């Protein structure tokens, strides 16, 4: 501390040694198409097979070590410019180093395209300046705050670890048919000389990959309306750049196809990819890129009443919007329905998906309160006063608009990108539709029973979604069924299918000492 300045600095070192073990299909997978084959234990009929994965020769196989080292430093100055005005300014530096993938796939097509499965460059320019102001005029009952800063996020190890193991070399996958198939439940203990190699999907880290960067700005105003009662209005802006995503780069020439809606004859032009894929020895060649973007704007109005007369209450309304281009760091299993759904719909044009994000919550209202009976019960004497004291009643009411969802075409690959889950229904846009809104009521009643000095028992009964209101989480999202180039509308589109967060009531006893 010196004069009107308060300086501080610090550092944060984190070392994460990771043992990643993912032996998918190492125990074998049997596919039967008839009960007779199943009973015989050998999948040898039509369209029947046995598949097993093995550790590649001279590799660590399913075991990888994507170890992470993180180094962070910061310095900050809190400067009281005037008695009613404070400035905070500082800078932070973040460095995340991940162990390089040890295996380089030698495929000639990959090399010609500059793809190196063993490359992972550290992002070394993560400087984050921050500044904030707080102004509280003397004699006034309000305070104004504002701030701006750059922040850097971590890259999840599930993404980096996948690039270590799914390189087409660490794992050897073989399919067996006919007489080469073992009898269930037998498996091969080592790589046999028979079997057909599968065409693998591989992952690599883009040479320009960087950690997520967020620019955040906020401004707020808080005013004391009445004693113990304040009104706050706050605005928050967050701009996300360099956000991670998985994207298949083994796509053919971009073209177009025409689709016709049954019944109306309407036609749609839809993007499609040719069969001239550049990497002939692979199914998908999936890049981990930092090319996704997001933006959030939110305004919150909050009314607070601090404890007075036994009551504390808060009411808050947030109007916000998330807009993005489909960021995601967890799409790591090709062919998995949930993971394939996370891919951008058009790898050639990310802006085609620039709209409301999956987490967009346009309207949200929360009313909460706590009431203690002690002050009210002080007007009663004897057994009645004892009975009425030490009760606490509280509740939370939440009301919010529904989140968005996208119209699809079922399990059909309209654009020939090898993914049947990420195509958007023609004539619609991503996240164009909304789930129904929800309202929930969560009450709580507790009673303190003191004994033995500072010791006490607290009896609690509480409920979540007491009235069991529907909290819809999914709908029938198939807008069309597809046959060739004909689109047939699905009359069940938009039908709600599942609800979550059903009513829960619980009892508890807490002992404090």
Protein backbone atom coordinates (compact mmCIF):
# COMPACT_ATOMS: atom_id res chain seq x y z
CA UNK A 1 0.00 0.00 0.00
CA UNK A 2 1.35 3.44 -0.89
CA UNK A 3 -0.69 6.63 -0.74
CA UNK A 4 -3.91 6.16 -2.67
CA UNK A 5 -2.66 2.94 -4.28
CA UNK A 6 -3.10 -0.66 -3.21
CA UNK A 7 -0.94 -2.95 -5.33
CA UNK A 8 -1.25 -6.70 -5.45
CA UNK A 9 0.15 -9.49 -7.57
CA UNK A 10 0.17 -13.24 -7.66
CA UNK A 11 0.67 -16.44 -9.57
CA UNK A 12 -1.07 -19.76 -10.07
CA UNK A 13 0.69 -22.95 -11.19
CA UNK A 14 -1.35 -26.07 -11.95
CA UNK A 15 0.09 -29.38 -13.13
CA UNK A 16 -2.31 -32.07 -14.29
CA UNK A 17 -0.77 -35.49 -14.98
CA UNK A 18 -3.36 -37.44 -16.94
CA UNK A 19 -3.63 -41.17 -17.50
CA UNK A 20 -6.20 -41.48 -20.29
CA UNK A 21 -7.43 -45.05 -20.88
CA UNK A 22 -10.10 -45.56 -23.54
CA UNK A 23 -10.16 -49.18 -24.80
CA UNK A 24 -13.20 -48.92 -27.07
CA UNK A 25 -14.05 -52.28 -28.73
CA UNK A 26 -10.98 -53.89 -27.15
CA UNK A 27 -13.36 -56.48 -25.67
CA UNK A 28 -14.91 -57.20 -29.07
CA UNK A 29 -18.34 -56.45 -30.54
CA UNK A 30 -20.63 -59.16 -31.95
CA UNK A 31 -23.38 -58.28 -34.44
CA UNK A 32 -26.12 -60.92 -34.91
CA UNK A 33 -29.09 -60.65 -37.29
CA UNK A 34 -30.96 -63.81 -36.24
CA UNK A 35 -31.71 -65.75 -33.08
CA UNK A 36 -30.19 -68.85 -34.69
CA UNK A 37 -26.83 -67.13 -35.10
CA UNK A 38 -27.07 -65.66 -31.62
CA UNK A 39 -27.77 -69.07 -30.09
CA UNK A 40 -24.82 -70.53 -32.00
CA UNK A 41 -22.54 -67.76 -30.72
CA UNK A 42 -20.96 -67.07 -34.16
CA UNK A 43 -22.06 -64.09 -36.27
CA UNK A 44 -21.51 -65.71 -39.67
CA UNK A 45 -24.73 -64.88 -41.53
CA UNK A 46 -25.56 -62.06 -43.92
CA UNK A 47 -24.63 -58.63 -42.53
CA UNK A 48 -23.27 -60.27 -39.38
CA UNK A 49 -19.78 -59.57 -38.12
CA UNK A 50 -17.35 -59.44 -35.24
CA UNK A 51 -15.22 -56.34 -34.63
CA UNK A 52 -12.31 -55.91 -32.25
CA UNK A 53 -9.79 -53.13 -31.67
CA UNK A 54 -6.15 -53.64 -30.72
CA UNK A 55 -3.22 -51.53 -29.62
CA UNK A 56 -1.16 -50.52 -32.63
CA UNK A 57 2.33 -52.02 -32.86
CA UNK A 58 4.96 -50.00 -30.98
CA UNK A 59 2.36 -47.59 -29.56
CA UNK A 60 0.72 -47.10 -26.17
CA UNK A 61 -2.64 -48.12 -27.67
CA UNK A 62 -5.60 -47.02 -25.60
CA UNK A 63 -3.39 -45.44 -22.95
CA UNK A 64 -2.24 -41.84 -23.51
CA UNK A 65 -0.87 -39.02 -21.38
CA UNK A 66 -2.12 -35.59 -22.49
CA UNK A 67 -0.50 -33.92 -19.46
CA UNK A 68 -1.23 -30.25 -18.88
CA UNK A 69 0.88 -27.51 -17.29
CA UNK A 70 -0.72 -24.14 -16.57
CA UNK A 71 1.11 -20.97 -15.55
CA UNK A 72 -0.69 -17.74 -14.65
CA UNK A 73 0.54 -14.38 -13.33
CA UNK A 74 -1.27 -11.14 -12.50
CA UNK A 75 -0.69 -7.66 -11.15
CA UNK A 76 -3.35 -5.14 -10.12
CA UNK A 77 -3.59 -1.61 -8.78
CA UNK A 78 -6.56 -0.37 -6.77
CA UNK A 79 -6.30 3.42 -7.02
CA UNK A 80 -8.58 5.72 -5.07
CA UNK A 81 -8.72 8.69 -7.44
CA UNK A 82 -11.08 10.57 -5.12
CA UNK A 83 -12.93 9.80 -1.95
CA UNK A 84 -15.92 8.69 -4.02
CA UNK A 85 -14.16 7.23 -7.09
CA UNK A 86 -12.03 4.05 -7.26
CA UNK A 87 -10.16 2.68 -10.27
CA UNK A 88 -8.99 -0.93 -10.54
CA UNK A 89 -6.54 -1.73 -13.33
CA UNK A 90 -4.42 -4.79 -13.96
CA UNK A 91 -3.19 -7.43 -16.34
CA UNK A 92 -3.06 -11.23 -16.26
CA UNK A 93 -1.05 -13.68 -18.33
CA UNK A 94 -2.12 -17.30 -18.89
CA UNK A 95 -0.11 -20.10 -20.50
CA UNK A 96 -1.51 -23.61 -21.01
CA UNK A 97 1.00 -26.20 -22.22
CA UNK A 98 -0.19 -29.67 -23.21
CA UNK A 99 2.10 -32.59 -23.93
CA UNK A 100 2.54 -33.11 -27.67
CA UNK A 101 0.75 -36.13 -29.18
CA UNK A 102 3.57 -38.66 -29.70
CA UNK A 103 2.41 -40.24 -32.98
CA UNK A 104 2.45 -38.75 -36.48
CA UNK A 105 0.26 -40.51 -39.02
CA UNK A 106 2.47 -40.91 -42.13
CA UNK A 107 -0.38 -40.94 -44.67
CA UNK A 108 0.75 -39.15 -47.84
CA UNK A 109 -2.56 -37.31 -48.36
CA UNK A 110 -2.42 -35.94 -44.82
CA UNK A 111 1.18 -34.81 -45.31
CA UNK A 112 0.31 -33.09 -48.59
CA UNK A 113 -2.44 -31.16 -46.80
CA UNK A 114 -0.09 -30.12 -43.98
CA UNK A 115 -1.93 -32.22 -41.38
CA UNK A 116 0.31 -33.47 -38.58
CA UNK A 117 -1.36 -35.59 -35.88
CA UNK A 118 1.63 -35.04 -33.59
CA UNK A 119 1.48 -31.24 -33.64
CA UNK A 120 0.16 -29.15 -30.76
CA UNK A 121 1.55 -25.63 -30.47
CA UNK A 122 1.10 -23.75 -27.20
CA UNK A 123 -0.90 -20.50 -27.33
CA UNK A 124 1.60 -18.04 -25.85
CA UNK A 125 0.02 -14.58 -26.32
CA UNK A 126 -2.74 -14.75 -23.71
CA UNK A 127 -2.43 -11.30 -22.14
CA UNK A 128 -5.58 -10.16 -20.37
CA UNK A 129 -5.84 -6.48 -19.39
CA UNK A 130 -8.65 -5.54 -16.96
CA UNK A 131 -10.08 -2.22 -15.81
CA UNK A 132 -12.94 -1.31 -13.48
CA UNK A 133 -14.51 1.82 -11.96
CA UNK A 134 -16.75 2.35 -8.94
CA UNK A 135 -18.32 5.73 -8.20
CA UNK A 136 -20.34 6.41 -5.04
CA UNK A 137 -21.00 10.18 -4.66
CA UNK A 138 -20.82 11.44 -1.09
CA UNK A 139 -24.28 12.06 0.34
CA UNK A 140 -26.00 10.12 -2.45
CA UNK A 141 -27.77 6.79 -2.14
CA UNK A 142 -26.49 5.17 -5.27
CA UNK A 143 -23.33 3.60 -6.69
CA UNK A 144 -22.26 3.22 -10.32
CA UNK A 145 -19.92 0.44 -11.45
CA UNK A 146 -18.36 -0.53 -14.75
CA UNK A 147 -15.62 -2.78 -16.04
CA UNK A 148 -13.93 -4.32 -19.06
CA UNK A 149 -11.44 -7.15 -19.50
CA UNK A 150 -10.02 -9.95 -21.62
CA UNK A 151 -10.19 -13.48 -20.22
CA UNK A 152 -8.78 -16.78 -21.49
CA UNK A 153 -10.33 -20.19 -20.97
CA UNK A 154 -8.94 -23.69 -20.73
CA UNK A 155 -9.21 -26.27 -23.49
CA UNK A 156 -10.84 -29.40 -22.01
CA UNK A 157 -8.53 -32.42 -21.81
CA UNK A 158 -11.22 -34.65 -23.37
CA UNK A 159 -10.55 -32.82 -26.64
CA UNK A 160 -6.76 -32.86 -26.42
CA UNK A 161 -6.69 -36.44 -25.13
CA UNK A 162 -8.76 -37.63 -28.10
CA UNK A 163 -6.15 -36.22 -30.48
CA UNK A 164 -3.49 -38.27 -28.65
CA UNK A 165 -5.21 -41.62 -29.19
CA UNK A 166 -7.41 -41.33 -32.30
CA UNK A 167 -4.68 -40.85 -34.89
CA UNK A 168 -5.22 -43.99 -36.98
CA UNK A 169 -2.01 -45.57 -35.62
CA UNK A 170 -2.55 -46.09 -31.88
CA UNK A 171 -5.66 -48.18 -32.49
CA UNK A 172 -5.99 -50.99 -35.05
CA UNK A 173 -9.61 -51.95 -35.78
CA UNK A 174 -10.40 -55.24 -37.57
CA UNK A 175 -13.68 -56.75 -38.80
CA UNK A 176 -14.09 -60.54 -39.02
CA UNK A 177 -16.66 -62.55 -40.98
CA UNK A 178 -17.25 -66.20 -41.81
CA UNK A 179 -14.84 -68.80 -40.45
CA UNK A 180 -12.53 -66.16 -38.95
CA UNK A 181 -15.12 -65.12 -36.36
CA UNK A 182 -14.52 -66.36 -32.79
CA UNK A 183 -17.34 -68.03 -30.89
CA UNK A 184 -18.96 -65.83 -28.24
CA UNK A 185 -17.63 -64.89 -25.69
CA UNK A 186 -14.12 -65.59 -27.00
CA UNK A 187 -11.92 -62.70 -28.17
CA UNK A 188 -8.48 -62.37 -29.73
CA UNK A 189 -5.63 -61.80 -27.28
CA UNK A 190 -3.41 -60.15 -29.92
CA UNK A 191 -3.67 -58.86 -33.47
CA UNK A 192 -4.43 -61.89 -35.71
CA UNK A 193 -3.27 -62.31 -39.28
CA UNK A 194 -6.87 -62.53 -40.56
CA UNK A 195 -9.60 -59.90 -40.63
CA UNK A 196 -10.27 -56.75 -42.63
CA UNK A 197 -8.97 -53.37 -41.53
CA UNK A 198 -11.72 -50.80 -41.01
CA UNK A 199 -11.44 -47.36 -42.54
CA UNK A 200 -10.73 -45.21 -39.47
CA UNK A 201 -11.83 -41.73 -38.49
CA UNK A 202 -9.00 -39.67 -37.02
CA UNK A 203 -8.58 -36.44 -35.07
CA UNK A 204 -5.90 -33.79 -35.25
CA UNK A 205 -5.34 -30.35 -33.74
CA UNK A 206 -5.39 -27.46 -36.16
CA UNK A 207 -2.02 -25.70 -36.38
CA UNK A 208 -3.71 -22.36 -35.54
CA UNK A 209 -5.55 -23.74 -32.49
CA UNK A 210 -5.70 -21.29 -29.57
CA UNK A 211 -7.30 -21.08 -26.14
CA UNK A 212 -10.77 -19.50 -25.92
CA UNK A 213 -10.72 -15.71 -25.54
CA UNK A 214 -13.56 -13.74 -23.95
CA UNK A 215 -14.00 -10.00 -23.93
CA UNK A 216 -16.33 -9.02 -21.11
CA UNK A 217 -17.80 -5.60 -20.35
CA UNK A 218 -20.34 -4.60 -17.72
CA UNK A 219 -22.04 -1.52 -16.35
CA UNK A 220 -24.37 -1.25 -13.39
CA UNK A 221 -26.32 1.11 -11.19
CA UNK A 222 -27.54 0.39 -7.64
CA UNK A 223 -29.87 2.77 -5.79
CA UNK A 224 -31.27 2.66 -2.24
CA UNK A 225 -34.99 3.28 -2.75
CA UNK A 226 -35.95 2.88 0.90
CA UNK A 227 -34.10 1.82 4.04
CA UNK A 228 -32.96 -1.82 3.51
CA UNK A 229 -34.38 -1.79 -0.04
CA UNK A 230 -32.27 -1.39 -3.19
CA UNK A 231 -32.85 -1.45 -6.93
CA UNK A 232 -30.01 -2.59 -9.21
CA UNK A 233 -29.81 -2.46 -12.99
CA UNK A 234 -26.86 -4.25 -14.62
CA UNK A 235 -25.80 -4.81 -18.21
CA UNK A 236 -23.39 -7.58 -19.25
CA UNK A 237 -21.72 -8.10 -22.62
CA UNK A 238 -19.52 -11.12 -23.38
CA UNK A 239 -17.88 -11.65 -26.77
CA UNK A 240 -16.34 -15.09 -27.27
CA UNK A 241 -13.65 -15.68 -29.89
CA UNK A 242 -11.36 -18.65 -30.63
CA UNK A 243 -13.95 -21.05 -29.22
CA UNK A 244 -13.35 -24.77 -29.86
CA UNK A 245 -15.25 -27.02 -32.23
CA UNK A 246 -14.86 -30.34 -34.02
CA UNK A 247 -15.18 -30.22 -37.79
CA UNK A 248 -14.74 -32.88 -40.48
CA UNK A 249 -12.25 -31.75 -43.13
CA UNK A 250 -12.59 -34.87 -45.29
CA UNK A 251 -15.34 -33.46 -47.50
CA UNK A 252 -15.74 -33.43 -51.26
CA UNK A 253 -16.44 -30.53 -53.61
CA UNK A 254 -19.22 -28.20 -52.48
CA UNK A 255 -22.29 -28.21 -54.70
CA UNK A 256 -26.07 -27.93 -54.58
CA UNK A 257 -29.12 -30.16 -54.88
CA UNK A 258 -32.82 -29.40 -55.28
CA UNK A 259 -35.43 -30.83 -52.92
CA UNK A 260 -39.22 -30.73 -53.38
CA UNK A 261 -41.88 -30.56 -50.66
CA UNK A 262 -44.65 -33.11 -51.16
CA UNK A 263 -48.13 -31.64 -51.48
CA UNK A 264 -47.08 -28.05 -52.18
CA UNK A 265 -44.41 -28.51 -54.83
CA UNK A 266 -42.17 -25.96 -53.13
CA UNK A 267 -38.51 -26.42 -53.97
CA UNK A 268 -35.42 -25.78 -51.86
CA UNK A 269 -31.80 -25.48 -52.87
CA UNK A 270 -29.57 -27.32 -50.41
CA UNK A 271 -25.78 -27.46 -50.12
CA UNK A 272 -24.15 -30.83 -50.69
CA UNK A 273 -20.65 -32.31 -50.81
CA UNK A 274 -19.32 -34.55 -53.55
CA UNK A 275 -17.88 -38.02 -53.20
CA UNK A 276 -14.37 -36.79 -54.12
CA UNK A 277 -13.06 -36.77 -50.57
CA UNK A 278 -9.43 -35.65 -50.35
CA UNK A 279 -8.30 -38.26 -47.79
CA UNK A 280 -9.00 -41.64 -49.36
CA UNK A 281 -7.77 -43.81 -46.48
CA UNK A 282 -10.07 -42.34 -43.82
CA UNK A 283 -13.75 -41.84 -43.11
CA UNK A 284 -13.67 -38.58 -41.20
CA UNK A 285 -10.60 -36.41 -40.69
CA UNK A 286 -11.77 -34.28 -37.78
CA UNK A 287 -9.97 -31.09 -36.91
CA UNK A 288 -10.11 -29.52 -33.47
CA UNK A 289 -10.34 -25.86 -34.42
CA UNK A 290 -10.75 -22.62 -32.49
CA UNK A 291 -13.00 -21.01 -35.11
CA UNK A 292 -16.33 -20.73 -33.29
CA UNK A 293 -17.73 -17.47 -31.93
CA UNK A 294 -20.38 -16.41 -29.44
CA UNK A 295 -21.91 -13.21 -28.13
CA UNK A 296 -24.08 -12.53 -25.09
CA UNK A 297 -26.05 -9.41 -24.22
CA UNK A 298 -27.99 -9.36 -20.96
CA UNK A 299 -29.81 -6.81 -18.83
CA UNK A 300 -30.83 -7.64 -15.26
CA UNK A 301 -33.23 -5.69 -13.04
CA UNK A 302 -33.01 -6.66 -9.39
CA UNK A 303 -35.01 -5.51 -6.36
CA UNK A 304 -33.56 -6.48 -2.96
CA UNK A 305 -34.98 -6.11 0.54
CA UNK A 306 -32.47 -6.93 3.25
CA UNK A 307 -33.55 -8.56 6.51
CA UNK A 308 -36.00 -6.23 8.22
CA UNK A 309 -39.04 -7.25 10.23
CA UNK A 310 -37.98 -10.85 9.75
CA UNK A 311 -38.23 -10.67 5.94
CA UNK A 312 -35.62 -10.81 3.22
CA UNK A 313 -36.75 -10.86 -0.42
CA UNK A 314 -35.33 -10.60 -3.91
CA UNK A 315 -36.96 -10.23 -7.31
CA UNK A 316 -34.87 -10.35 -10.48
CA UNK A 317 -35.68 -10.28 -14.18
CA UNK A 318 -33.11 -10.92 -16.90
CA UNK A 319 -33.55 -10.17 -20.56
CA UNK A 320 -30.71 -11.80 -22.46
CA UNK A 321 -29.63 -13.32 -25.73
CA UNK A 322 -26.86 -15.75 -26.72
CA UNK A 323 -25.80 -15.79 -30.37
CA UNK A 324 -23.12 -18.18 -31.61
CA UNK A 325 -21.78 -20.32 -34.46
CA UNK A 326 -22.02 -23.74 -32.74
CA UNK A 327 -19.02 -23.94 -30.36
CA UNK A 328 -18.42 -27.27 -28.63
CA UNK A 329 -15.49 -29.08 -27.03
CA UNK A 330 -17.02 -32.52 -26.45
CA UNK A 331 -17.89 -33.96 -29.92
CA UNK A 332 -15.23 -36.69 -29.81
CA UNK A 333 -17.08 -39.90 -30.81
CA UNK A 334 -17.83 -40.06 -34.57
CA UNK A 335 -21.13 -41.78 -35.30
CA UNK A 336 -22.51 -41.21 -31.81
CA UNK A 337 -25.91 -39.55 -32.20
CA UNK A 338 -25.38 -37.05 -29.39
CA UNK A 339 -21.91 -36.03 -30.56
CA UNK A 340 -22.78 -35.83 -34.27
CA UNK A 341 -25.62 -33.45 -33.40
CA UNK A 342 -23.05 -30.91 -32.11
CA UNK A 343 -21.38 -30.32 -35.49
CA UNK A 344 -21.98 -27.22 -37.60
CA UNK A 345 -24.53 -27.89 -40.34
CA UNK A 346 -22.33 -26.52 -43.15
CA UNK A 347 -18.55 -26.87 -42.68
CA UNK A 348 -18.06 -24.59 -45.70
CA UNK A 349 -20.02 -21.70 -44.17
CA UNK A 350 -20.06 -21.34 -40.39
CA UNK A 351 -22.08 -18.13 -40.67
CA UNK A 352 -25.01 -20.24 -41.88
CA UNK A 353 -25.41 -21.30 -38.23
CA UNK A 354 -24.97 -17.84 -36.70
CA UNK A 355 -28.12 -17.40 -34.64
CA UNK A 356 -29.51 -18.04 -31.15
CA UNK A 357 -27.25 -20.44 -29.26
CA UNK A 358 -28.43 -23.67 -27.65
CA UNK A 359 -28.18 -22.01 -24.20
CA UNK A 360 -30.16 -18.92 -25.17
CA UNK A 361 -32.51 -17.94 -22.33
CA UNK A 362 -34.44 -14.90 -23.51
CA UNK A 363 -36.56 -14.24 -20.41
CA UNK A 364 -36.00 -15.34 -16.83
CA UNK A 365 -37.75 -14.15 -13.65
CA UNK A 366 -36.80 -15.31 -10.14
CA UNK A 367 -38.63 -14.32 -6.95
CA UNK A 368 -37.20 -15.54 -3.66
CA UNK A 369 -37.77 -14.76 -0.02
CA UNK A 370 -36.97 -15.80 3.55
CA UNK A 371 -39.17 -15.07 6.54
CA UNK A 372 -38.23 -15.70 10.19
CA UNK A 373 -41.06 -15.83 12.73
CA UNK A 374 -38.89 -14.70 15.69
CA UNK A 375 -39.84 -11.00 15.62
CA UNK A 376 -43.54 -11.74 15.11
CA UNK A 377 -43.53 -14.44 17.82
CA UNK A 378 -42.00 -12.03 20.36
CA UNK A 379 -45.51 -10.63 20.87
CA UNK A 380 -46.65 -13.92 22.33
CA UNK A 381 -45.74 -15.36 25.72
CA UNK A 382 -45.56 -18.77 27.29
CA UNK A 383 -45.95 -22.01 25.38
CA UNK A 384 -47.52 -20.28 22.36
CA UNK A 385 -44.56 -17.93 21.98
CA UNK A 386 -42.15 -20.86 22.28
CA UNK A 387 -44.08 -22.79 19.64
CA UNK A 388 -44.12 -19.89 17.16
CA UNK A 389 -40.45 -18.92 17.46
CA UNK A 390 -37.51 -20.23 15.42
CA UNK A 391 -39.47 -21.08 12.27
CA UNK A 392 -38.00 -20.09 8.91
CA UNK A 393 -40.12 -20.08 5.75
CA UNK A 394 -38.54 -19.62 2.35
CA UNK A 395 -39.41 -20.15 -1.29
CA UNK A 396 -38.14 -19.62 -4.82
CA UNK A 397 -40.41 -19.04 -7.81
CA UNK A 398 -38.77 -19.36 -11.22
CA UNK A 399 -40.39 -18.52 -14.53
CA UNK A 400 -38.48 -18.63 -17.81
CA UNK A 401 -39.04 -18.86 -21.52
CA UNK A 402 -38.26 -22.03 -23.43
CA UNK A 403 -34.90 -22.72 -24.99
CA UNK A 404 -34.43 -23.10 -28.75
CA UNK A 405 -34.24 -26.22 -30.88
CA UNK A 406 -33.58 -26.98 -34.53
CA UNK A 407 -35.84 -28.63 -37.10
CA UNK A 408 -34.17 -31.72 -38.57
CA UNK A 409 -34.86 -34.37 -41.20
CA UNK A 410 -34.41 -37.47 -39.11
CA UNK A 411 -31.56 -39.92 -39.64
CA UNK A 412 -30.78 -38.74 -43.21
CA UNK A 413 -27.57 -37.28 -44.61
CA UNK A 414 -28.99 -34.56 -46.86
CA UNK A 415 -25.68 -32.83 -47.61
CA UNK A 416 -23.49 -35.96 -47.94
CA UNK A 417 -21.01 -34.90 -45.25
CA UNK A 418 -21.08 -38.34 -43.62
CA UNK A 419 -23.12 -37.07 -40.65
CA UNK A 420 -26.83 -37.90 -40.49
CA UNK A 421 -27.52 -35.83 -37.36
CA UNK A 422 -26.48 -32.25 -38.13
CA UNK A 423 -28.58 -31.43 -41.20
CA UNK A 424 -31.14 -28.63 -40.77
CA UNK A 425 -34.56 -29.03 -42.35
CA UNK A 426 -34.71 -27.13 -45.69
CA UNK A 427 -36.52 -23.79 -45.43
CA UNK A 428 -35.74 -23.44 -41.72
CA UNK A 429 -32.76 -22.08 -39.80
CA UNK A 430 -30.85 -23.35 -36.79
CA UNK A 431 -32.68 -22.97 -33.45
CA UNK A 432 -35.69 -21.38 -35.13
CA UNK A 433 -38.17 -23.05 -32.78
CA UNK A 434 -38.70 -22.90 -29.02
CA UNK A 435 -39.62 -25.31 -26.28
CA UNK A 436 -42.52 -24.24 -24.05
CA UNK A 437 -41.69 -22.00 -21.08
CA UNK A 438 -41.68 -23.23 -17.49
CA UNK A 439 -42.69 -22.12 -14.00
CA UNK A 440 -41.51 -23.89 -10.84
CA UNK A 441 -42.13 -23.32 -7.13
CA UNK A 442 -39.57 -24.51 -4.55
CA UNK A 443 -40.65 -23.98 -0.90
CA UNK A 444 -38.74 -24.75 2.31
CA UNK A 445 -39.82 -24.85 5.97
CA UNK A 446 -37.35 -25.33 8.83
CA UNK A 447 -37.45 -25.19 12.63
CA UNK A 448 -34.47 -24.75 14.98
CA UNK A 449 -34.54 -26.62 18.27
CA UNK A 450 -31.73 -25.38 20.57
CA UNK A 451 -30.23 -27.46 23.36
CA UNK A 452 -27.02 -27.57 25.33
CA UNK A 453 -25.62 -24.10 24.69
CA UNK A 454 -24.69 -23.57 21.03
CA UNK A 455 -25.91 -26.96 19.89
CA UNK A 456 -29.15 -27.20 17.95
CA UNK A 457 -31.21 -29.47 15.75
CA UNK A 458 -32.80 -28.12 12.57
CA UNK A 459 -35.79 -29.97 11.14
CA UNK A 460 -36.27 -29.32 7.42
CA UNK A 461 -38.90 -30.12 4.81
CA UNK A 462 -38.41 -28.77 1.29
CA UNK A 463 -39.75 -29.38 -2.19
CA UNK A 464 -38.52 -28.78 -5.71
CA UNK A 465 -41.15 -28.10 -8.37
CA UNK A 466 -43.85 -28.62 -5.76
CA UNK A 467 -46.75 -28.44 -8.25
CA UNK A 468 -45.00 -30.86 -10.63
CA UNK A 469 -45.19 -28.46 -13.56
CA UNK A 470 -43.87 -29.74 -16.85
CA UNK A 471 -40.29 -28.72 -17.65
CA UNK A 472 -40.10 -29.81 -21.29
CA UNK A 473 -36.63 -30.83 -22.48
CA UNK A 474 -37.18 -32.30 -25.96
CA UNK A 475 -39.62 -32.48 -28.84
CA UNK A 476 -40.10 -34.42 -32.05
CA UNK A 477 -37.66 -32.35 -34.11
CA UNK A 478 -38.14 -34.18 -37.44
CA UNK A 479 -39.66 -31.51 -39.72
CA UNK A 480 -39.60 -33.73 -42.80
CA UNK A 481 -39.15 -37.33 -43.75
CA UNK A 482 -37.03 -37.78 -46.87
CA UNK A 483 -37.33 -40.14 -49.84
CA UNK A 484 -34.86 -39.35 -52.59
CA UNK A 485 -35.36 -35.64 -53.28
CA UNK A 486 -38.91 -35.50 -51.87
CA UNK A 487 -39.64 -33.94 -48.49
CA UNK A 488 -42.79 -35.04 -46.67
CA UNK A 489 -43.89 -32.86 -43.72
CA UNK A 490 -44.06 -34.63 -40.38
CA UNK A 491 -47.41 -33.86 -38.66
CA UNK A 492 -45.91 -34.73 -35.27
CA UNK A 493 -43.18 -32.10 -35.51
CA UNK A 494 -42.95 -30.03 -32.33
CA UNK A 495 -44.73 -32.60 -30.16
CA UNK A 496 -43.13 -32.44 -26.73
CA UNK A 497 -41.57 -35.76 -25.74
CA UNK A 498 -39.75 -35.55 -22.42
CA UNK A 499 -39.95 -33.57 -19.21
CA UNK A 500 -37.27 -33.23 -16.55
CA UNK A 501 -37.01 -31.96 -12.96
CA UNK A 502 -40.18 -33.62 -11.73
CA UNK A 503 -41.42 -32.94 -8.19
CA UNK A 504 -39.08 -33.94 -5.37
CA UNK A 505 -39.92 -33.62 -1.66
CA UNK A 506 -37.26 -34.31 0.94
CA UNK A 507 -36.94 -34.31 4.73
CA UNK A 508 -33.77 -33.55 6.63
CA UNK A 509 -32.39 -33.23 10.13
CA UNK A 510 -29.28 -31.11 10.70
CA UNK A 511 -27.23 -31.11 13.88
CA UNK A 512 -25.11 -27.99 14.53
CA UNK A 513 -22.51 -27.78 17.28
